[in-house]
N, C-alpha and C. Protein backbone atom coordinates (compact mmCIF):
# COMPACT_ATOMS: atom_id res chain seq x y z
N UNK A 1 0.53 -3.12 -22.15
CA UNK A 1 0.72 -4.35 -21.46
C UNK A 1 -0.33 -4.64 -20.38
N UNK A 2 -0.90 -5.84 -20.35
CA UNK A 2 -1.86 -6.21 -19.30
C UNK A 2 -1.19 -6.31 -17.99
N UNK A 3 -1.90 -6.02 -16.94
CA UNK A 3 -1.39 -6.11 -15.64
C UNK A 3 -1.26 -7.52 -15.32
N UNK A 4 -0.24 -8.00 -14.54
CA UNK A 4 -0.06 -9.39 -14.21
C UNK A 4 -1.13 -9.77 -13.22
N UNK A 5 -1.50 -11.05 -13.29
CA UNK A 5 -2.57 -11.47 -12.33
C UNK A 5 -2.16 -11.45 -10.84
N UNK A 6 -3.15 -11.33 -10.01
CA UNK A 6 -2.92 -11.37 -8.63
C UNK A 6 -3.20 -12.88 -8.23
N UNK A 7 -2.01 -13.46 -7.80
CA UNK A 7 -2.14 -14.88 -7.38
C UNK A 7 -0.89 -15.27 -6.59
N UNK A 8 -0.95 -16.38 -5.94
CA UNK A 8 0.26 -16.70 -5.00
C UNK A 8 0.21 -15.99 -3.68
N UNK A 9 1.46 -15.82 -3.27
CA UNK A 9 1.60 -15.23 -1.96
C UNK A 9 1.44 -13.66 -2.04
N UNK A 10 0.44 -13.15 -1.50
CA UNK A 10 0.30 -11.66 -1.49
C UNK A 10 0.69 -11.19 -0.13
N UNK A 11 1.73 -10.31 0.03
CA UNK A 11 2.19 -9.90 1.27
C UNK A 11 1.54 -8.53 1.64
N UNK A 12 1.13 -8.35 2.86
CA UNK A 12 0.53 -7.24 3.41
C UNK A 12 1.52 -6.59 4.43
N UNK A 13 2.43 -5.59 3.91
CA UNK A 13 3.35 -5.02 4.90
C UNK A 13 2.64 -4.20 5.89
N UNK A 14 3.17 -4.21 7.17
CA UNK A 14 2.65 -3.23 8.21
C UNK A 14 3.30 -1.83 7.89
N UNK A 15 2.55 -0.80 8.42
CA UNK A 15 3.17 0.43 8.29
C UNK A 15 3.92 0.79 9.52
N UNK A 16 5.30 0.75 9.43
CA UNK A 16 6.23 1.00 10.65
C UNK A 16 6.05 2.48 11.12
N UNK A 17 6.24 2.56 12.36
CA UNK A 17 6.34 3.99 12.97
C UNK A 17 7.64 4.10 13.76
N UNK A 18 8.22 5.35 13.68
CA UNK A 18 9.34 5.58 14.41
C UNK A 18 8.98 5.68 16.00
N UNK A 19 9.73 4.89 16.79
CA UNK A 19 9.45 4.85 18.23
C UNK A 19 9.66 6.27 18.94
N UNK A 20 10.45 7.05 18.37
CA UNK A 20 10.65 8.30 19.06
C UNK A 20 9.77 9.49 18.62
N UNK A 21 9.54 9.58 17.34
CA UNK A 21 8.75 10.65 16.78
C UNK A 21 7.28 10.30 16.62
N UNK A 22 6.96 8.98 16.50
CA UNK A 22 5.59 8.54 16.25
C UNK A 22 5.13 8.68 14.78
N UNK A 23 6.06 9.22 13.98
CA UNK A 23 5.72 9.28 12.60
C UNK A 23 5.89 8.00 11.79
N UNK A 24 5.29 7.88 10.59
CA UNK A 24 5.54 6.81 9.81
C UNK A 24 7.05 6.75 9.47
N UNK A 25 7.61 5.53 9.56
CA UNK A 25 9.02 5.35 9.30
C UNK A 25 9.17 4.78 7.81
N UNK A 26 9.33 5.82 6.97
CA UNK A 26 9.34 5.51 5.54
C UNK A 26 10.62 4.64 5.14
N UNK A 27 11.70 4.90 5.80
CA UNK A 27 12.87 4.17 5.52
C UNK A 27 12.64 2.64 5.92
N UNK A 28 12.05 2.39 7.01
CA UNK A 28 11.72 1.03 7.41
C UNK A 28 10.75 0.41 6.48
N UNK A 29 9.70 1.16 6.05
CA UNK A 29 8.71 0.63 5.06
C UNK A 29 9.38 0.34 3.74
N UNK A 30 10.27 1.13 3.25
CA UNK A 30 11.03 0.75 2.05
C UNK A 30 11.85 -0.48 2.15
N UNK A 31 12.47 -0.63 3.33
CA UNK A 31 13.25 -1.86 3.60
C UNK A 31 12.35 -3.06 3.70
N UNK A 32 11.28 -2.97 4.40
CA UNK A 32 10.33 -4.08 4.51
C UNK A 32 9.89 -4.50 3.11
N UNK A 33 9.46 -3.45 2.33
CA UNK A 33 8.80 -3.68 1.01
C UNK A 33 9.91 -4.45 0.20
N UNK A 34 11.10 -3.94 0.10
CA UNK A 34 12.19 -4.62 -0.66
C UNK A 34 12.37 -6.09 -0.14
N UNK A 35 12.33 -6.24 1.16
CA UNK A 35 12.57 -7.63 1.72
C UNK A 35 11.43 -8.58 1.23
N UNK A 36 10.20 -8.07 1.20
CA UNK A 36 8.96 -8.91 0.83
C UNK A 36 9.15 -9.33 -0.55
N UNK A 37 9.66 -8.45 -1.48
CA UNK A 37 9.75 -8.73 -2.94
C UNK A 37 10.90 -9.73 -3.11
N UNK A 38 12.10 -9.45 -2.39
CA UNK A 38 13.23 -10.26 -2.46
C UNK A 38 12.89 -11.73 -1.89
N UNK A 39 12.07 -11.79 -0.94
CA UNK A 39 11.72 -13.18 -0.36
C UNK A 39 10.83 -13.97 -1.30
N UNK A 40 10.40 -13.42 -2.35
CA UNK A 40 9.53 -14.18 -3.20
C UNK A 40 8.08 -13.98 -3.23
N UNK A 41 7.68 -12.92 -2.67
CA UNK A 41 6.20 -12.42 -2.64
C UNK A 41 5.70 -12.39 -4.12
N UNK A 42 4.64 -12.85 -4.33
CA UNK A 42 4.01 -12.68 -5.79
C UNK A 42 3.25 -11.38 -5.96
N UNK A 43 3.00 -10.70 -4.88
CA UNK A 43 2.31 -9.32 -4.99
C UNK A 43 2.47 -8.73 -3.60
N UNK A 44 2.38 -7.35 -3.54
CA UNK A 44 2.45 -6.68 -2.25
C UNK A 44 1.23 -5.73 -2.17
N UNK A 45 0.60 -5.88 -0.86
CA UNK A 45 -0.66 -5.15 -0.79
C UNK A 45 -0.62 -4.28 0.41
N UNK A 46 -0.10 -2.96 0.21
CA UNK A 46 -0.02 -2.04 1.29
C UNK A 46 -1.31 -1.47 1.72
N UNK A 47 -1.39 -0.94 2.95
CA UNK A 47 -2.51 -0.17 3.45
C UNK A 47 -3.86 -0.93 3.40
N UNK A 48 -3.82 -1.99 3.98
CA UNK A 48 -4.99 -2.82 4.00
C UNK A 48 -6.10 -2.18 4.80
N UNK A 49 -7.35 -2.59 4.57
CA UNK A 49 -8.41 -1.97 5.32
C UNK A 49 -8.63 -2.29 6.84
N UNK A 50 -7.95 -3.38 7.27
CA UNK A 50 -8.03 -3.76 8.62
C UNK A 50 -6.90 -3.36 9.50
N UNK A 51 -5.97 -2.55 8.94
CA UNK A 51 -4.74 -2.24 9.74
C UNK A 51 -4.77 -0.90 10.10
N UNK A 52 -3.60 -0.32 10.13
CA UNK A 52 -3.34 1.06 10.60
C UNK A 52 -3.77 2.14 9.63
N UNK A 53 -4.09 1.72 8.41
CA UNK A 53 -4.39 2.70 7.31
C UNK A 53 -5.53 3.66 7.77
N UNK A 54 -6.45 3.15 8.48
CA UNK A 54 -7.69 3.93 8.92
C UNK A 54 -7.12 5.16 9.84
N UNK A 55 -6.00 5.00 10.46
CA UNK A 55 -5.51 5.98 11.48
C UNK A 55 -4.49 6.86 10.94
N UNK A 56 -4.08 6.76 9.66
CA UNK A 56 -3.16 7.59 9.14
C UNK A 56 -3.77 8.95 8.63
N UNK A 57 -2.90 9.95 8.74
CA UNK A 57 -3.41 11.23 8.10
C UNK A 57 -3.27 10.99 6.58
N UNK A 58 -4.00 11.85 5.83
CA UNK A 58 -3.83 11.78 4.38
C UNK A 58 -2.37 11.92 3.79
N UNK A 59 -1.64 12.81 4.49
CA UNK A 59 -0.10 12.92 4.15
C UNK A 59 0.57 11.72 4.46
N UNK A 60 0.33 11.11 5.63
CA UNK A 60 1.04 9.87 5.94
C UNK A 60 0.58 8.74 4.95
N UNK A 61 -0.74 8.64 4.66
CA UNK A 61 -1.21 7.58 3.68
C UNK A 61 -0.59 7.81 2.38
N UNK A 62 -0.50 8.99 1.91
CA UNK A 62 0.04 9.29 0.53
C UNK A 62 1.51 8.77 0.50
N UNK A 63 2.23 9.19 1.60
CA UNK A 63 3.72 8.89 1.72
C UNK A 63 3.92 7.39 1.70
N UNK A 64 3.13 6.70 2.40
CA UNK A 64 3.31 5.21 2.55
C UNK A 64 2.90 4.51 1.32
N UNK A 65 1.84 5.11 0.60
CA UNK A 65 1.52 4.52 -0.71
C UNK A 65 2.72 4.68 -1.73
N UNK A 66 3.08 5.95 -1.79
CA UNK A 66 4.15 6.38 -2.78
C UNK A 66 5.46 5.47 -2.55
N UNK A 67 5.84 5.44 -1.31
CA UNK A 67 7.16 4.76 -1.01
C UNK A 67 7.01 3.20 -1.36
N UNK A 68 5.87 2.67 -1.05
CA UNK A 68 5.77 1.13 -1.28
C UNK A 68 5.66 0.92 -2.82
N UNK A 69 4.89 1.68 -3.47
CA UNK A 69 4.68 1.49 -4.88
C UNK A 69 6.02 1.79 -5.68
N UNK A 70 6.71 2.81 -5.29
CA UNK A 70 7.89 3.14 -5.92
C UNK A 70 9.12 2.06 -5.58
N UNK A 71 8.99 1.49 -4.44
CA UNK A 71 9.97 0.53 -4.04
C UNK A 71 9.75 -0.77 -4.90
N UNK A 72 8.37 -1.18 -5.00
CA UNK A 72 8.17 -2.37 -5.84
C UNK A 72 8.40 -2.13 -7.33
N UNK A 73 7.81 -0.96 -7.79
CA UNK A 73 8.19 -0.47 -9.12
C UNK A 73 8.26 -1.57 -10.28
N UNK A 74 7.25 -2.52 -10.16
CA UNK A 74 7.03 -3.43 -11.30
C UNK A 74 7.36 -4.88 -11.20
N UNK A 75 8.31 -5.35 -10.31
CA UNK A 75 8.54 -6.72 -10.44
C UNK A 75 7.46 -7.64 -10.15
N UNK A 76 6.64 -7.18 -9.18
CA UNK A 76 5.29 -7.85 -8.81
C UNK A 76 4.20 -6.85 -8.80
N UNK A 77 2.98 -7.39 -8.92
CA UNK A 77 1.86 -6.44 -8.77
C UNK A 77 1.59 -5.98 -7.38
N UNK A 78 0.81 -4.82 -7.34
CA UNK A 78 0.58 -4.25 -6.10
C UNK A 78 -1.05 -3.94 -5.98
N UNK A 79 -1.53 -4.25 -4.86
CA UNK A 79 -2.90 -4.08 -4.45
C UNK A 79 -3.06 -3.22 -3.28
N UNK A 80 -3.46 -1.89 -3.52
CA UNK A 80 -3.41 -0.92 -2.44
C UNK A 80 -4.89 -0.77 -1.78
N UNK A 81 -4.90 -0.86 -0.53
CA UNK A 81 -6.04 -0.60 0.18
C UNK A 81 -6.39 0.93 0.19
N UNK A 82 -7.43 1.21 -0.38
CA UNK A 82 -7.81 2.68 -0.64
C UNK A 82 -8.93 3.09 0.22
N UNK A 83 -9.46 2.32 1.20
CA UNK A 83 -10.53 2.50 1.93
C UNK A 83 -10.39 3.84 2.84
N UNK A 84 -11.47 4.50 2.94
CA UNK A 84 -11.58 5.83 3.72
C UNK A 84 -13.05 5.88 4.16
N UNK A 85 -13.22 6.59 5.24
CA UNK A 85 -14.66 6.68 5.73
C UNK A 85 -15.60 7.41 4.79
N UNK A 86 -15.06 8.23 3.87
CA UNK A 86 -15.89 8.92 2.93
C UNK A 86 -15.64 8.50 1.54
N UNK A 87 -16.69 8.58 0.71
CA UNK A 87 -16.63 8.23 -0.67
C UNK A 87 -15.47 9.24 -1.31
N UNK A 88 -15.52 10.41 -1.03
CA UNK A 88 -14.57 11.39 -1.62
C UNK A 88 -13.07 10.99 -1.15
N UNK A 89 -12.88 10.61 0.05
CA UNK A 89 -11.59 10.19 0.55
C UNK A 89 -11.18 8.87 -0.11
N UNK A 90 -12.09 7.96 -0.45
CA UNK A 90 -11.73 6.72 -1.08
C UNK A 90 -11.36 7.02 -2.49
N UNK A 91 -12.08 7.83 -3.16
CA UNK A 91 -11.83 8.24 -4.66
C UNK A 91 -10.34 8.79 -4.70
N UNK A 92 -10.12 9.79 -3.71
CA UNK A 92 -8.87 10.50 -3.67
C UNK A 92 -7.73 9.57 -3.53
N UNK A 93 -7.87 8.51 -2.55
CA UNK A 93 -6.86 7.59 -2.32
C UNK A 93 -6.59 6.63 -3.55
N UNK A 94 -7.62 6.22 -4.17
CA UNK A 94 -7.60 5.39 -5.37
C UNK A 94 -6.83 6.13 -6.45
N UNK A 95 -7.08 7.42 -6.59
CA UNK A 95 -6.40 8.23 -7.61
C UNK A 95 -4.92 8.27 -7.29
N UNK A 96 -4.59 8.58 -5.98
CA UNK A 96 -3.10 8.63 -5.55
C UNK A 96 -2.52 7.31 -5.88
N UNK A 97 -3.15 6.10 -5.61
CA UNK A 97 -2.50 4.82 -5.83
C UNK A 97 -2.35 4.66 -7.38
N UNK A 98 -3.34 5.01 -8.18
CA UNK A 98 -3.15 4.94 -9.61
C UNK A 98 -2.00 5.76 -10.15
N UNK A 99 -1.94 7.01 -9.67
CA UNK A 99 -0.87 7.80 -10.08
C UNK A 99 0.52 7.26 -9.79
N UNK A 100 0.58 6.53 -8.73
CA UNK A 100 2.05 6.01 -8.34
C UNK A 100 2.15 4.59 -8.81
N UNK A 101 1.24 4.05 -9.71
CA UNK A 101 1.46 2.75 -10.38
C UNK A 101 0.89 1.53 -9.86
N UNK A 102 -0.21 1.72 -8.99
CA UNK A 102 -0.80 0.54 -8.40
C UNK A 102 -1.34 -0.35 -9.45
N UNK A 103 -1.19 -1.71 -9.36
CA UNK A 103 -1.85 -2.54 -10.26
C UNK A 103 -3.35 -2.60 -9.96
N UNK A 104 -3.77 -2.55 -8.81
CA UNK A 104 -5.27 -2.59 -8.43
C UNK A 104 -5.48 -2.00 -7.07
N UNK A 105 -6.62 -1.68 -6.77
CA UNK A 105 -6.97 -1.18 -5.45
C UNK A 105 -7.87 -2.19 -4.69
N UNK A 106 -7.91 -2.11 -3.44
CA UNK A 106 -8.64 -3.02 -2.70
C UNK A 106 -9.70 -2.19 -1.72
N UNK A 107 -11.00 -2.55 -1.85
CA UNK A 107 -12.05 -1.85 -1.08
C UNK A 107 -12.78 -2.92 -0.42
N UNK A 108 -13.37 -2.67 0.83
CA UNK A 108 -14.18 -3.70 1.58
C UNK A 108 -15.53 -3.65 0.85
N UNK A 109 -16.15 -4.79 0.85
CA UNK A 109 -17.41 -5.01 0.31
C UNK A 109 -18.42 -4.78 1.39
N UNK A 110 -19.39 -3.89 1.05
CA UNK A 110 -20.40 -3.71 2.04
C UNK A 110 -21.71 -4.29 1.45
N UNK A 111 -22.43 -5.02 2.33
CA UNK A 111 -23.80 -5.62 1.83
C UNK A 111 -24.71 -4.67 1.37
């Protein structure tokens, strides 16, 4: 089956952090993602290139990617920001996103 087109309202969830531990709050991210889909988003785009994604450890990034994609799990397309400061890191993130069912990945365009 072909992937659904990316159109309409594409929601970019923030990556929430626990105020006490400073760790990524995966439960809050799951709830936020569910709320975005339930509210009528046409697609969900976690881990965008201009947000906190650049500051996450690879373990945190992987967990946020997995939780978001597994929460969406099909009703709408997903567009995962896979940017990393290295080509190797970008390829690794793209593969993680693909493994968890991303519809597409998003990378910044460099002139």
